[in-house]
């Protein structure tokens, strides 16, 4: 099985919709997908759970497929969304100086794609 991790850095909804679309498509085609929210994308955490958000339906599908690996501790703290991430039981990632590292993915055979 192929392993791919999608690192989302950008904080705009249009970009993140594509992260979700690609993640769902690849997962449904049999690829092991993980999604990491890093950088400004961590500000979108509340949108994943807001029924009025354009991200909501895709995010809920991604959640059901268990695609989210977690969110960057340092960036979600800076963006003011770490408490929302904890409330939603998202993994808080800090293995690279407080940020979500890529090395463990690469060492485990994942291809890294960044957005």
PDB file of N, CA and C in Angstrom:
ATOM      1  N   UNK A   1       0.838  -1.178   0.000  1.00  0.00           N
ATOM      2  CA  UNK A   1       0.000   0.000   0.000  1.00  0.00           C
ATOM      3  C   UNK A   1       0.884   1.242   0.000  1.00  0.00           C
ATOM      4  N   UNK A   2       0.507   2.201  -0.782  1.00  0.00           N
ATOM      5  CA  UNK A   2       1.225   3.474  -0.842  1.00  0.00           C
ATOM      6  C   UNK A   2       0.792   4.350   0.326  1.00  0.00           C
ATOM      7  N   UNK A   3       1.737   5.095   0.891  1.00  0.00           N
ATOM      8  CA  UNK A   3       1.486   5.997   2.013  1.00  0.00           C
ATOM      9  C   UNK A   3       1.788   7.430   1.588  1.00  0.00           C
ATOM     10  N   UNK A   4       0.839   8.339   1.827  1.00  0.00           N
ATOM     11  CA  UNK A   4       1.006   9.743   1.483  1.00  0.00           C
ATOM     12  C   UNK A   4       0.542  10.596   2.650  1.00  0.00           C
ATOM     13  N   UNK A   5       1.335  11.617   2.991  1.00  0.00           N
ATOM     14  CA  UNK A   5       0.922  12.580   4.009  1.00  0.00           C
ATOM     15  C   UNK A   5       0.794  13.931   3.330  1.00  0.00           C
ATOM     16  N   UNK A   6      -0.329  14.581   3.570  1.00  0.00           N
ATOM     17  CA  UNK A   6      -0.597  15.909   3.033  1.00  0.00           C
ATOM     18  C   UNK A   6      -0.383  16.919   4.144  1.00  0.00           C
ATOM     19  N   UNK A   7       0.614  17.784   3.992  1.00  0.00           N
ATOM     20  CA  UNK A   7       0.873  18.849   4.955  1.00  0.00           C
ATOM     21  C   UNK A   7       0.220  20.119   4.434  1.00  0.00           C
ATOM     22  N   UNK A   8      -0.774  20.617   5.148  1.00  0.00           N
ATOM     23  CA  UNK A   8      -1.461  21.851   4.767  1.00  0.00           C
ATOM     24  C   UNK A   8      -0.864  23.004   5.558  1.00  0.00           C
ATOM     25  N   UNK A   9      -0.370  24.010   4.859  1.00  0.00           N
ATOM     26  CA  UNK A   9       0.211  25.192   5.502  1.00  0.00           C
ATOM     27  C   UNK A   9      -0.643  26.438   5.300  1.00  0.00           C
ATOM     28  N   UNK A  10      -1.283  26.550   4.161  1.00  0.00           N
ATOM     29  CA  UNK A  10      -2.016  27.770   3.814  1.00  0.00           C
ATOM     30  C   UNK A  10      -3.320  27.866   4.580  1.00  0.00           C
ATOM     31  N   UNK A  11      -3.687  29.073   4.920  1.00  0.00           N
ATOM     32  CA  UNK A  11      -4.862  29.294   5.752  1.00  0.00           C
ATOM     33  C   UNK A  11      -6.119  29.686   5.000  1.00  0.00           C
ATOM     34  N   UNK A  12      -6.129  29.503   3.662  1.00  0.00           N
ATOM     35  CA  UNK A  12      -7.353  29.867   2.970  1.00  0.00           C
ATOM     36  C   UNK A  12      -8.199  28.630   2.675  1.00  0.00           C
ATOM     37  N   UNK A  13      -9.492  28.820   2.781  1.00  0.00           N
ATOM     38  CA  UNK A  13     -10.438  27.709   2.635  1.00  0.00           C
ATOM     39  C   UNK A  13     -10.341  27.032   1.274  1.00  0.00           C
ATOM     40  N   UNK A  14     -10.144  27.821   0.216  1.00  0.00           N
ATOM     41  CA  UNK A  14     -10.089  27.250  -1.137  1.00  0.00           C
ATOM     42  C   UNK A  14      -8.961  26.226  -1.251  1.00  0.00           C
ATOM     43  N   UNK A  15      -7.816  26.535  -0.714  1.00  0.00           N
ATOM     44  CA  UNK A  15      -6.701  25.590  -0.737  1.00  0.00           C
ATOM     45  C   UNK A  15      -7.030  24.358   0.106  1.00  0.00           C
ATOM     46  N   UNK A  16      -7.577  24.584   1.292  1.00  0.00           N
ATOM     47  CA  UNK A  16      -7.834  23.462   2.186  1.00  0.00           C
ATOM     48  C   UNK A  16      -8.932  22.543   1.663  1.00  0.00           C
ATOM     49  N   UNK A  17      -9.896  23.103   0.929  1.00  0.00           N
ATOM     50  CA  UNK A  17     -10.910  22.248   0.286  1.00  0.00           C
ATOM     51  C   UNK A  17     -10.208  21.224  -0.598  1.00  0.00           C
ATOM     52  N   UNK A  18      -9.185  21.657  -1.308  1.00  0.00           N
ATOM     53  CA  UNK A  18      -8.463  20.732  -2.179  1.00  0.00           C
ATOM     54  C   UNK A  18      -7.671  19.696  -1.388  1.00  0.00           C
ATOM     55  N   UNK A  19      -7.124  20.075  -0.262  1.00  0.00           N
ATOM     56  CA  UNK A  19      -6.469  19.094   0.602  1.00  0.00           C
ATOM     57  C   UNK A  19      -7.475  17.999   0.978  1.00  0.00           C
ATOM     58  N   UNK A  20      -8.669  18.424   1.373  1.00  0.00           N
ATOM     59  CA  UNK A  20      -9.710  17.461   1.746  1.00  0.00           C
ATOM     60  C   UNK A  20     -10.143  16.612   0.550  1.00  0.00           C
ATOM     61  N   UNK A  21     -10.367  17.248  -0.587  1.00  0.00           N
ATOM     62  CA  UNK A  21     -10.783  16.511  -1.786  1.00  0.00           C
ATOM     63  C   UNK A  21      -9.741  15.470  -2.186  1.00  0.00           C
ATOM     64  N   UNK A  22      -8.469  15.888  -2.241  1.00  0.00           N
ATOM     65  CA  UNK A  22      -7.413  14.944  -2.607  1.00  0.00           C
ATOM     66  C   UNK A  22      -7.278  13.841  -1.570  1.00  0.00           C
ATOM     67  N   UNK A  23      -7.339  14.208  -0.302  1.00  0.00           N
ATOM     68  CA  UNK A  23      -7.232  13.205   0.751  1.00  0.00           C
ATOM     69  C   UNK A  23      -8.323  12.154   0.655  1.00  0.00           C
ATOM     70  N   UNK A  24      -9.554  12.597   0.452  1.00  0.00           N
ATOM     71  CA  UNK A  24     -10.683  11.667   0.339  1.00  0.00           C
ATOM     72  C   UNK A  24     -10.535  10.802  -0.906  1.00  0.00           C
ATOM     73  N   UNK A  25     -10.214  11.438  -2.042  1.00  0.00           N
ATOM     74  CA  UNK A  25     -10.050  10.685  -3.292  1.00  0.00           C
ATOM     75  C   UNK A  25      -8.975   9.615  -3.159  1.00  0.00           C
ATOM     76  N   UNK A  26      -7.821   9.998  -2.631  1.00  0.00           N
ATOM     77  CA  UNK A  26      -6.723   9.042  -2.506  1.00  0.00           C
ATOM     78  C   UNK A  26      -7.055   7.930  -1.518  1.00  0.00           C
ATOM     79  N   UNK A  27      -7.693   8.291  -0.415  1.00  0.00           N
ATOM     80  CA  UNK A  27      -8.091   7.283   0.566  1.00  0.00           C
ATOM     81  C   UNK A  27      -9.061   6.281  -0.043  1.00  0.00           C
ATOM     82  N   UNK A  28     -10.035   6.795  -0.775  1.00  0.00           N
ATOM     83  CA  UNK A  28     -11.034   5.909  -1.381  1.00  0.00           C
ATOM     84  C   UNK A  28     -10.447   5.060  -2.500  1.00  0.00           C
ATOM     85  N   UNK A  29      -9.270   5.442  -3.014  1.00  0.00           N
ATOM     86  CA  UNK A  29      -8.621   4.628  -4.041  1.00  0.00           C
ATOM     87  C   UNK A  29      -7.619   3.636  -3.432  1.00  0.00           C
ATOM     88  N   UNK A  30      -7.597   3.556  -2.099  1.00  0.00           N
ATOM     89  CA  UNK A  30      -6.778   2.553  -1.432  1.00  0.00           C
ATOM     90  C   UNK A  30      -5.422   3.024  -0.943  1.00  0.00           C
ATOM     91  N   UNK A  31      -5.159   4.317  -1.004  1.00  0.00           N
ATOM     92  CA  UNK A  31      -3.889   4.859  -0.532  1.00  0.00           C
ATOM     93  C   UNK A  31      -4.044   5.267   0.929  1.00  0.00           C
ATOM     94  N   UNK A  32      -3.046   4.966   1.732  1.00  0.00           N
ATOM     95  CA  UNK A  32      -3.049   5.350   3.137  1.00  0.00           C
ATOM     96  C   UNK A  32      -2.712   6.834   3.220  1.00  0.00           C
ATOM     97  N   UNK A  33      -3.682   7.634   3.625  1.00  0.00           N
ATOM     98  CA  UNK A  33      -3.544   9.088   3.651  1.00  0.00           C
ATOM     99  C   UNK A  33      -3.549   9.596   5.081  1.00  0.00           C
ATOM    100  N   UNK A  34      -2.667  10.547   5.353  1.00  0.00           N
ATOM    101  CA  UNK A  34      -2.655  11.274   6.612  1.00  0.00           C
ATOM    102  C   UNK A  34      -2.646  12.756   6.264  1.00  0.00           C
ATOM    103  N   UNK A  35      -3.371  13.574   7.016  1.00  0.00           N
ATOM    104  CA  UNK A  35      -3.417  15.019   6.807  1.00  0.00           C
ATOM    105  C   UNK A  35      -2.901  15.697   8.071  1.00  0.00           C
ATOM    106  N   UNK A  36      -1.952  16.625   7.880  1.00  0.00           N
ATOM    107  CA  UNK A  36      -1.388  17.394   8.982  1.00  0.00           C
ATOM    108  C   UNK A  36      -1.686  18.869   8.740  1.00  0.00           C
ATOM    109  N   UNK A  37      -2.248  19.519   9.747  1.00  0.00           N
ATOM    110  CA  UNK A  37      -2.479  20.958   9.694  1.00  0.00           C
ATOM    111  C   UNK A  37      -1.294  21.654  10.335  1.00  0.00           C
ATOM    112  N   UNK A  38      -0.609  22.463   9.548  1.00  0.00           N
ATOM    113  CA  UNK A  38       0.579  23.200   9.966  1.00  0.00           C
ATOM    114  C   UNK A  38       0.366  24.661   9.594  1.00  0.00           C
ATOM    115  N   UNK A  39       1.198  25.536  10.110  1.00  0.00           N
ATOM    116  CA  UNK A  39       1.159  26.935   9.712  1.00  0.00           C
ATOM    117  C   UNK A  39      -0.217  27.560   9.860  1.00  0.00           C
ATOM    118  N   UNK A  40      -0.552  28.410   8.896  1.00  0.00           N
ATOM    119  CA  UNK A  40      -1.822  29.137   8.948  1.00  0.00           C
ATOM    120  C   UNK A  40      -3.050  28.244   8.793  1.00  0.00           C
ATOM    121  N   UNK A  41      -2.881  27.035   8.270  1.00  0.00           N
ATOM    122  CA  UNK A  41      -4.054  26.160   8.119  1.00  0.00           C
ATOM    123  C   UNK A  41      -4.688  25.827   9.461  1.00  0.00           C
ATOM    124  N   UNK A  42      -3.908  25.946  10.550  1.00  0.00           N
ATOM    125  CA  UNK A  42      -4.460  25.629  11.867  1.00  0.00           C
ATOM    126  C   UNK A  42      -5.574  26.600  12.266  1.00  0.00           C
ATOM    127  N   UNK A  43      -5.624  27.773  11.637  1.00  0.00           N
ATOM    128  CA  UNK A  43      -6.708  28.709  11.951  1.00  0.00           C
ATOM    129  C   UNK A  43      -8.051  28.206  11.423  1.00  0.00           C
ATOM    130  N   UNK A  44      -8.030  27.208  10.548  1.00  0.00           N
ATOM    131  CA  UNK A  44      -9.253  26.670   9.953  1.00  0.00           C
ATOM    132  C   UNK A  44      -9.922  25.601  10.818  1.00  0.00           C
ATOM    133  N   UNK A  45      -9.303  25.215  11.913  1.00  0.00           N
ATOM    134  CA  UNK A  45      -9.852  24.135  12.747  1.00  0.00           C
ATOM    135  C   UNK A  45     -11.320  24.363  13.098  1.00  0.00           C
ATOM    136  N   UNK A  46     -11.730  25.545  13.556  1.00  0.00           N
ATOM    137  CA  UNK A  46     -13.158  25.727  13.872  1.00  0.00           C
ATOM    138  C   UNK A  46     -14.067  25.528  12.662  1.00  0.00           C
ATOM    139  N   UNK A  47     -13.562  25.844  11.462  1.00  0.00           N
ATOM    140  CA  UNK A  47     -14.367  25.700  10.248  1.00  0.00           C
ATOM    141  C   UNK A  47     -14.691  24.235   9.931  1.00  0.00           C
ATOM    142  N   UNK A  48     -13.844  23.330  10.380  1.00  0.00           N
ATOM    143  CA  UNK A  48     -14.064  21.905  10.112  1.00  0.00           C
ATOM    144  C   UNK A  48     -15.317  21.392  10.817  1.00  0.00           C
ATOM    145  N   UNK A  49     -15.744  22.103  11.857  1.00  0.00           N
ATOM    146  CA  UNK A  49     -16.870  21.671  12.688  1.00  0.00           C
ATOM    147  C   UNK A  49     -18.055  22.630  12.626  1.00  0.00           C
ATOM    148  N   UNK A  50     -17.968  23.645  11.796  1.00  0.00           N
ATOM    149  CA  UNK A  50     -19.026  24.641  11.661  1.00  0.00           C
ATOM    150  C   UNK A  50     -19.921  24.256  10.490  1.00  0.00           C
ATOM    151  N   UNK A  51     -21.154  23.906  10.780  1.00  0.00           N
ATOM    152  CA  UNK A  51     -22.085  23.444   9.743  1.00  0.00           C
ATOM    153  C   UNK A  51     -22.321  24.477   8.649  1.00  0.00           C
ATOM    154  N   UNK A  52     -22.045  25.743   8.905  1.00  0.00           N
ATOM    155  CA  UNK A  52     -22.230  26.794   7.900  1.00  0.00           C
ATOM    156  C   UNK A  52     -20.979  27.036   7.058  1.00  0.00           C
ATOM    157  N   UNK A  53     -19.916  26.321   7.336  1.00  0.00           N
ATOM    158  CA  UNK A  53     -18.659  26.492   6.625  1.00  0.00           C
ATOM    159  C   UNK A  53     -18.646  25.669   5.333  1.00  0.00           C
ATOM    160  N   UNK A  54     -18.042  26.212   4.274  1.00  0.00           N
ATOM    161  CA  UNK A  54     -17.893  25.413   3.052  1.00  0.00           C
ATOM    162  C   UNK A  54     -16.982  24.195   3.238  1.00  0.00           C
ATOM    163  N   UNK A  55     -16.216  24.163   4.322  1.00  0.00           N
ATOM    164  CA  UNK A  55     -15.337  23.025   4.603  1.00  0.00           C
ATOM    165  C   UNK A  55     -16.056  21.875   5.312  1.00  0.00           C
ATOM    166  N   UNK A  56     -17.183  22.162   5.911  1.00  0.00           N
ATOM    167  CA  UNK A  56     -17.823  21.239   6.851  1.00  0.00           C
ATOM    168  C   UNK A  56     -18.077  19.845   6.268  1.00  0.00           C
ATOM    169  N   UNK A  57     -18.773  19.739   5.166  1.00  0.00           N
ATOM    170  CA  UNK A  57     -19.155  18.413   4.645  1.00  0.00           C
ATOM    171  C   UNK A  57     -17.938  17.569   4.288  1.00  0.00           C
ATOM    172  N   UNK A  58     -16.976  18.182   3.602  1.00  0.00           N
ATOM    173  CA  UNK A  58     -15.761  17.438   3.264  1.00  0.00           C
ATOM    174  C   UNK A  58     -14.963  17.083   4.512  1.00  0.00           C
ATOM    175  N   UNK A  59     -14.884  18.013   5.451  1.00  0.00           N
ATOM    176  CA  UNK A  59     -14.147  17.757   6.688  1.00  0.00           C
ATOM    177  C   UNK A  59     -14.769  16.605   7.464  1.00  0.00           C
ATOM    178  N   UNK A  60     -16.077  16.578   7.530  1.00  0.00           N
ATOM    179  CA  UNK A  60     -16.740  15.495   8.250  1.00  0.00           C
ATOM    180  C   UNK A  60     -16.500  14.154   7.581  1.00  0.00           C
ATOM    181  N   UNK A  61     -16.466  14.149   6.251  1.00  0.00           N
ATOM    182  CA  UNK A  61     -16.149  12.905   5.536  1.00  0.00           C
ATOM    183  C   UNK A  61     -14.706  12.484   5.834  1.00  0.00           C
ATOM    184  N   UNK A  62     -13.785  13.445   5.828  1.00  0.00           N
ATOM    185  CA  UNK A  62     -12.383  13.145   6.132  1.00  0.00           C
ATOM    186  C   UNK A  62     -12.239  12.622   7.564  1.00  0.00           C
ATOM    187  N   UNK A  63     -13.001  13.185   8.484  1.00  0.00           N
ATOM    188  CA  UNK A  63     -12.975  12.727   9.871  1.00  0.00           C
ATOM    189  C   UNK A  63     -13.470  11.289   9.953  1.00  0.00           C
ATOM    190  N   UNK A  64     -14.558  10.984   9.250  1.00  0.00           N
ATOM    191  CA  UNK A  64     -15.090   9.609   9.248  1.00  0.00           C
ATOM    192  C   UNK A  64     -14.091   8.620   8.658  1.00  0.00           C
ATOM    193  N   UNK A  65     -13.303   9.103   7.694  1.00  0.00           N
ATOM    194  CA  UNK A  65     -12.277   8.242   7.093  1.00  0.00           C
ATOM    195  C   UNK A  65     -10.990   8.218   7.919  1.00  0.00           C
ATOM    196  N   UNK A  66     -10.958   8.970   9.029  1.00  0.00           N
ATOM    197  CA  UNK A  66      -9.807   9.048   9.927  1.00  0.00           C
ATOM    198  C   UNK A  66      -8.542   9.529   9.206  1.00  0.00           C
ATOM    199  N   UNK A  67      -8.678  10.588   8.412  1.00  0.00           N
ATOM    200  CA  UNK A  67      -7.552  11.085   7.636  1.00  0.00           C
ATOM    201  C   UNK A  67      -6.650  12.043   8.406  1.00  0.00           C
ATOM    202  N   UNK A  68      -7.163  12.681   9.444  1.00  0.00           N
ATOM    203  CA  UNK A  68      -6.389  13.697  10.147  1.00  0.00           C
ATOM    204  C   UNK A  68      -5.374  13.077  11.105  1.00  0.00           C
ATOM    205  N   UNK A  69      -4.105  13.353  10.833  1.00  0.00           N
ATOM    206  CA  UNK A  69      -3.033  12.916  11.734  1.00  0.00           C
ATOM    207  C   UNK A  69      -2.962  13.841  12.938  1.00  0.00           C
ATOM    208  N   UNK A  70      -3.141  15.136  12.697  1.00  0.00           N
ATOM    209  CA  UNK A  70      -3.115  16.067  13.807  1.00  0.00           C
ATOM    210  C   UNK A  70      -2.785  17.476  13.372  1.00  0.00           C
ATOM    211  N   UNK A  71      -2.550  18.319  14.389  1.00  0.00           N
ATOM    212  CA  UNK A  71      -2.289  19.737  14.164  1.00  0.00           C
ATOM    213  C   UNK A  71      -1.012  20.158  14.882  1.00  0.00           C
ATOM    214  N   UNK A  72      -0.336  21.118  14.310  1.00  0.00           N
ATOM    215  CA  UNK A  72       0.892  21.639  14.881  1.00  0.00           C
ATOM    216  C   UNK A  72       0.606  22.373  16.185  1.00  0.00           C
ATOM    217  N   UNK A  73       1.335  22.008  17.209  1.00  0.00           N
ATOM    218  CA  UNK A  73       1.153  22.639  18.516  1.00  0.00           C
ATOM    219  C   UNK A  73       1.519  24.121  18.474  1.00  0.00           C
ATOM    220  N   UNK A  74       2.688  24.437  17.950  1.00  0.00           N
ATOM    221  CA  UNK A  74       3.147  25.829  17.947  1.00  0.00           C
ATOM    222  C   UNK A  74       2.233  26.715  17.108  1.00  0.00           C
ATOM    223  N   UNK A  75       1.864  26.253  15.939  1.00  0.00           N
ATOM    224  CA  UNK A  75       1.055  27.082  15.038  1.00  0.00           C
ATOM    225  C   UNK A  75      -0.388  27.217  15.519  1.00  0.00           C
ATOM    226  N   UNK A  76      -0.968  26.141  16.041  1.00  0.00           N
ATOM    227  CA  UNK A  76      -2.336  26.258  16.551  1.00  0.00           C
ATOM    228  C   UNK A  76      -2.369  27.143  17.798  1.00  0.00           C
ATOM    229  N   UNK A  77      -1.271  27.160  18.547  1.00  0.00           N
ATOM    230  CA  UNK A  77      -1.176  28.086  19.680  1.00  0.00           C
ATOM    231  C   UNK A  77      -1.138  29.526  19.167  1.00  0.00           C
ATOM    232  N   UNK A  78      -0.290  29.787  18.160  1.00  0.00           N
ATOM    233  CA  UNK A  78      -0.182  31.132  17.582  1.00  0.00           C
ATOM    234  C   UNK A  78      -1.493  31.598  16.955  1.00  0.00           C
ATOM    235  N   UNK A  79      -2.224  30.662  16.342  1.00  0.00           N
ATOM    236  CA  UNK A  79      -3.477  31.001  15.656  1.00  0.00           C
ATOM    237  C   UNK A  79      -4.672  31.009  16.615  1.00  0.00           C
ATOM    238  N   UNK A  80      -4.445  30.636  17.867  1.00  0.00           N
ATOM    239  CA  UNK A  80      -5.519  30.662  18.854  1.00  0.00           C
ATOM    240  C   UNK A  80      -6.522  29.540  18.733  1.00  0.00           C
ATOM    241  N   UNK A  81      -6.114  28.423  18.127  1.00  0.00           N
ATOM    242  CA  UNK A  81      -7.057  27.318  17.913  1.00  0.00           C
ATOM    243  C   UNK A  81      -6.662  26.029  18.629  1.00  0.00           C
ATOM    244  N   UNK A  82      -5.623  26.074  19.454  1.00  0.00           N
ATOM    245  CA  UNK A  82      -5.183  24.834  20.103  1.00  0.00           C
ATOM    246  C   UNK A  82      -6.258  24.265  21.029  1.00  0.00           C
ATOM    247  N   UNK A  83      -6.987  25.127  21.716  1.00  0.00           N
ATOM    248  CA  UNK A  83      -8.041  24.625  22.617  1.00  0.00           C
ATOM    249  C   UNK A  83      -9.156  23.965  21.826  1.00  0.00           C
ATOM    250  N   UNK A  84      -9.485  24.515  20.668  1.00  0.00           N
ATOM    251  CA  UNK A  84     -10.499  23.890  19.796  1.00  0.00           C
ATOM    252  C   UNK A  84      -9.996  22.537  19.306  1.00  0.00           C
ATOM    253  N   UNK A  85      -8.717  22.454  18.950  1.00  0.00           N
ATOM    254  CA  UNK A  85      -8.138  21.187  18.508  1.00  0.00           C
ATOM    255  C   UNK A  85      -8.212  20.140  19.612  1.00  0.00           C
ATOM    256  N   UNK A  86      -7.876  20.549  20.833  1.00  0.00           N
ATOM    257  CA  UNK A  86      -7.951  19.623  21.971  1.00  0.00           C
ATOM    258  C   UNK A  86      -9.393  19.208  22.233  1.00  0.00           C
ATOM    259  N   UNK A  87     -10.306  20.166  22.182  1.00  0.00           N
ATOM    260  CA  UNK A  87     -11.729  19.886  22.408  1.00  0.00           C
ATOM    261  C   UNK A  87     -12.255  18.858  21.406  1.00  0.00           C
ATOM    262  N   UNK A  88     -11.728  18.916  20.192  1.00  0.00           N
ATOM    263  CA  UNK A  88     -12.160  18.006  19.118  1.00  0.00           C
ATOM    264  C   UNK A  88     -11.331  16.729  19.068  1.00  0.00           C
ATOM    265  N   UNK A  89     -10.473  16.547  20.064  1.00  0.00           N
ATOM    266  CA  UNK A  89      -9.629  15.350  20.172  1.00  0.00           C
ATOM    267  C   UNK A  89      -8.698  15.149  18.977  1.00  0.00           C
ATOM    268  N   UNK A  90      -8.249  16.265  18.397  1.00  0.00           N
ATOM    269  CA  UNK A  90      -7.250  16.168  17.339  1.00  0.00           C
ATOM    270  C   UNK A  90      -5.880  15.992  17.994  1.00  0.00           C
ATOM    271  N   UNK A  91      -5.037  15.194  17.395  1.00  0.00           N
ATOM    272  CA  UNK A  91      -3.687  14.994  17.917  1.00  0.00           C
ATOM    273  C   UNK A  91      -2.924  16.301  17.836  1.00  0.00           C
ATOM    274  N   UNK A  92      -2.227  16.632  18.898  1.00  0.00           N
ATOM    275  CA  UNK A  92      -1.377  17.810  18.933  1.00  0.00           C
ATOM    276  C   UNK A  92       0.047  17.329  18.640  1.00  0.00           C
ATOM    277  N   UNK A  93       0.604  17.803  17.535  1.00  0.00           N
ATOM    278  CA  UNK A  93       1.901  17.329  17.069  1.00  0.00           C
ATOM    279  C   UNK A  93       2.987  18.349  17.395  1.00  0.00           C
ATOM    280  N   UNK A  94       4.080  17.874  17.988  1.00  0.00           N
ATOM    281  CA  UNK A  94       5.142  18.798  18.405  1.00  0.00           C
ATOM    282  C   UNK A  94       6.523  18.161  18.361  1.00  0.00           C
ATOM    283  N   UNK A  95       6.691  17.155  17.527  1.00  0.00           N
ATOM    284  CA  UNK A  95       7.931  16.378  17.534  1.00  0.00           C
ATOM    285  C   UNK A  95       9.120  17.080  16.876  1.00  0.00           C
ATOM    286  N   UNK A  96       8.918  18.268  16.296  1.00  0.00           N
ATOM    287  CA  UNK A  96      10.013  19.002  15.664  1.00  0.00           C
ATOM    288  C   UNK A  96      10.061  20.415  16.251  1.00  0.00           C
ATOM    289  N   UNK A  97      10.685  20.549  17.402  1.00  0.00           N
ATOM    290  CA  UNK A  97      10.803  21.851  18.065  1.00  0.00           C
ATOM    291  C   UNK A  97       9.447  22.531  18.242  1.00  0.00           C
ATOM    292  N   UNK A  98       8.452  21.754  18.631  1.00  0.00           N
ATOM    293  CA  UNK A  98       7.117  22.287  18.862  1.00  0.00           C
ATOM    294  C   UNK A  98       6.216  22.265  17.651  1.00  0.00           C
ATOM    295  N   UNK A  99       6.757  21.882  16.497  1.00  0.00           N
ATOM    296  CA  UNK A  99       5.991  21.806  15.257  1.00  0.00           C
ATOM    297  C   UNK A  99       5.812  20.343  14.844  1.00  0.00           C
ATOM    298  N   UNK A 100       4.980  20.126  13.850  1.00  0.00           N
ATOM    299  CA  UNK A 100       4.761  18.776  13.323  1.00  0.00           C
ATOM    300  C   UNK A 100       5.895  18.417  12.370  1.00  0.00           C
ATOM    301  N   UNK A 101       6.666  17.423  12.721  1.00  0.00           N
ATOM    302  CA  UNK A 101       7.803  17.018  11.899  1.00  0.00           C
ATOM    303  C   UNK A 101       7.412  16.133  10.732  1.00  0.00           C
ATOM    304  N   UNK A 102       8.279  16.127   9.732  1.00  0.00           N
ATOM    305  CA  UNK A 102       8.079  15.275   8.552  1.00  0.00           C
ATOM    306  C   UNK A 102       8.923  14.006   8.595  1.00  0.00           C
ATOM    307  N   UNK A 103      10.007  14.021   9.370  1.00  0.00           N
ATOM    308  CA  UNK A 103      10.972  12.912   9.341  1.00  0.00           C
ATOM    309  C   UNK A 103      10.327  11.569   9.628  1.00  0.00           C
ATOM    310  N   UNK A 104       9.453  11.512  10.619  1.00  0.00           N
ATOM    311  CA  UNK A 104       8.863  10.200  10.957  1.00  0.00           C
ATOM    312  C   UNK A 104       8.027   9.650   9.813  1.00  0.00           C
ATOM    313  N   UNK A 105       7.400  10.535   9.045  1.00  0.00           N
ATOM    314  CA  UNK A 105       6.632  10.080   7.885  1.00  0.00           C
ATOM    315  C   UNK A 105       7.565   9.532   6.806  1.00  0.00           C
ATOM    316  N   UNK A 106       8.604  10.293   6.496  1.00  0.00           N
ATOM    317  CA  UNK A 106       9.557   9.867   5.470  1.00  0.00           C
ATOM    318  C   UNK A 106      10.240   8.572   5.887  1.00  0.00           C
ATOM    319  N   UNK A 107      10.613   8.476   7.164  1.00  0.00           N
ATOM    320  CA  UNK A 107      11.251   7.252   7.666  1.00  0.00           C
ATOM    321  C   UNK A 107      10.325   6.051   7.626  1.00  0.00           C
ATOM    322  N   UNK A 108       9.012   6.293   7.563  1.00  0.00           N
ATOM    323  CA  UNK A 108       8.040   5.201   7.488  1.00  0.00           C
ATOM    324  C   UNK A 108       7.480   5.027   6.083  1.00  0.00           C
ATOM    325  N   UNK A 109       8.187   5.564   5.090  1.00  0.00           N
ATOM    326  CA  UNK A 109       7.827   5.319   3.699  1.00  0.00           C
ATOM    327  C   UNK A 109       6.725   6.185   3.126  1.00  0.00           C
ATOM    328  N   UNK A 110       6.420   7.294   3.784  1.00  0.00           N
ATOM    329  CA  UNK A 110       5.389   8.190   3.274  1.00  0.00           C
ATOM    330  C   UNK A 110       5.976   9.148   2.248  1.00  0.00           C
ATOM    331  N   UNK A 111       5.205   9.423   1.221  1.00  0.00           N
ATOM    332  CA  UNK A 111       5.487  10.526   0.317  1.00  0.00           C
ATOM    333  C   UNK A 111       4.857  11.766   0.945  1.00  0.00           C
ATOM    334  N   UNK A 112       5.592  12.873   0.975  1.00  0.00           N
ATOM    335  CA  UNK A 112       5.113  14.117   1.566  1.00  0.00           C
ATOM    336  C   UNK A 112       4.680  15.060   0.460  1.00  0.00           C
ATOM    337  N   UNK A 113       3.450  15.552   0.554  1.00  0.00           N
ATOM    338  CA  UNK A 113       2.937  16.561  -0.371  1.00  0.00           C
ATOM    339  C   UNK A 113       2.533  17.763   0.468  1.00  0.00           C
ATOM    340  N   UNK A 114       2.982  18.942   0.057  1.00  0.00           N
ATOM    341  CA  UNK A 114       2.668  20.157   0.815  1.00  0.00           C
ATOM    342  C   UNK A 114       1.722  21.056   0.028  1.00  0.00           C
ATOM    343  N   UNK A 115       0.882  21.739   0.772  1.00  0.00           N
ATOM    344  CA  UNK A 115      -0.069  22.709   0.214  1.00  0.00           C
ATOM    345  C   UNK A 115       0.107  24.035   0.909  1.00  0.00           C
TER     346      UNK A 115
END
